[in-house]
Protein backbone atom coordinates (compact mmCIF):
# COMPACT_ATOMS: atom_id res chain seq x y z
CA MET A 1 91.53 100.01 90.62
CA SER A 2 91.93 97.82 93.90
CA ARG A 3 89.63 97.16 96.40
CA GLY A 4 91.88 98.86 99.18
CA ALA A 5 91.88 102.02 96.77
CA LEU A 6 88.33 102.22 96.54
CA PHE A 7 87.40 101.82 100.32
CA ALA A 8 89.89 104.23 100.96
CA GLN A 9 88.38 106.65 98.79
CA ALA A 10 84.65 105.47 100.19
CA ILE A 11 85.75 106.14 103.70
CA ARG A 12 86.95 110.00 103.02
CA GLY A 13 83.83 111.76 103.54
CA PRO A 14 82.69 109.97 106.42
CA ILE A 15 86.37 110.38 108.18
CA LEU A 16 86.35 114.28 107.48
CA LEU A 17 82.66 114.33 108.76
CA ILE A 18 83.65 112.68 112.05
CA ALA A 19 86.86 114.91 112.46
CA VAL A 20 84.92 117.94 112.06
CA GLY A 21 82.13 116.62 114.59
CA VAL A 22 84.90 116.04 117.19
CA LEU A 23 86.55 119.38 116.60
CA PHE A 24 83.57 121.20 117.05
CA ALA A 25 82.42 118.91 120.27
CA LEU A 26 85.78 119.93 121.86
CA HIS A 27 85.33 123.49 121.01
CA GLN A 28 81.64 123.29 122.42
CA ALA A 29 83.27 121.70 125.87
CA GLY A 30 85.73 124.58 126.35
CA THR A 31 88.28 122.08 125.94
CA LEU A 32 89.81 123.25 122.38
CA SER A 33 89.04 126.00 120.33
CA PHE A 34 88.08 125.35 116.87
CA TRP A 35 90.03 128.34 115.17
CA ARG A 36 93.43 126.87 117.09
CA SER A 37 92.71 123.24 116.06
CA TRP A 38 91.58 123.57 112.04
CA PRO A 39 95.02 122.50 111.12
CA LEU A 40 94.19 119.00 112.33
CA LEU A 41 91.83 118.59 109.49
CA ILE A 42 94.51 119.27 106.98
CA ILE A 43 96.61 116.45 108.86
CA VAL A 44 93.66 113.96 108.42
CA ILE A 45 93.37 115.11 104.94
CA GLY A 46 96.97 114.04 104.35
CA VAL A 47 96.68 110.98 106.25
CA ILE A 48 93.36 109.77 103.91
CA LYS A 49 95.41 110.84 100.77
CA LEU A 50 98.56 108.73 101.54
CA ALA A 51 96.26 105.75 102.79
CA GLU A 52 94.55 106.37 99.02
CA ARG A 53 97.94 106.39 97.34
CA LEU A 54 99.27 103.22 99.44
CA ALA A 55 96.25 101.31 98.70
CA THR A 56 96.41 102.02 94.77
CA PRO A 57 98.73 99.38 92.78
CA ALA A 58 101.60 100.57 90.93
CA TYR A 59 101.34 100.72 87.71
CA VAL A 60 102.27 97.64 85.47
CA PRO A 61 102.83 97.64 81.73
CA PRO A 62 101.55 95.33 79.21
CA GLN A 63 103.95 92.48 78.66
CA ALA A 64 105.36 92.49 75.02
CA GLY A 65 103.01 90.83 72.44
CA TYR A 66 99.87 91.05 74.45
CA GLN A 67 97.33 93.25 72.41
CA GLN A 68 94.68 94.53 74.85
CA TYR A 69 92.57 95.87 71.94
CA PRO A 70 92.08 93.94 68.44
CA PRO A 71 94.11 94.90 65.82
CA PRO A 72 92.65 97.65 63.12
CA GLY A 73 90.37 96.05 60.61
CA GLY A 74 89.09 93.71 62.95
CA PRO A 75 90.26 90.19 64.57
CA ARG A 76 92.38 87.92 62.69
CA LEU A 77 90.95 84.42 62.41
């Protein structure tokens, strides 16, 4: 897994907590009701998942002739 993908996964929780906190603060201020703004959480989750997907490198199949593991019976000398 690439560094970008790991970073995107690591910040998922903090970003969601910040988003929920902002929505509750707006609710307490009387600007925006939390019950009308919850779809924003779904949008935030979708954006985070998209960032994770974009940060994950595409699958690259191994090259022909390259053996990742030693052959059965142990390595050949």
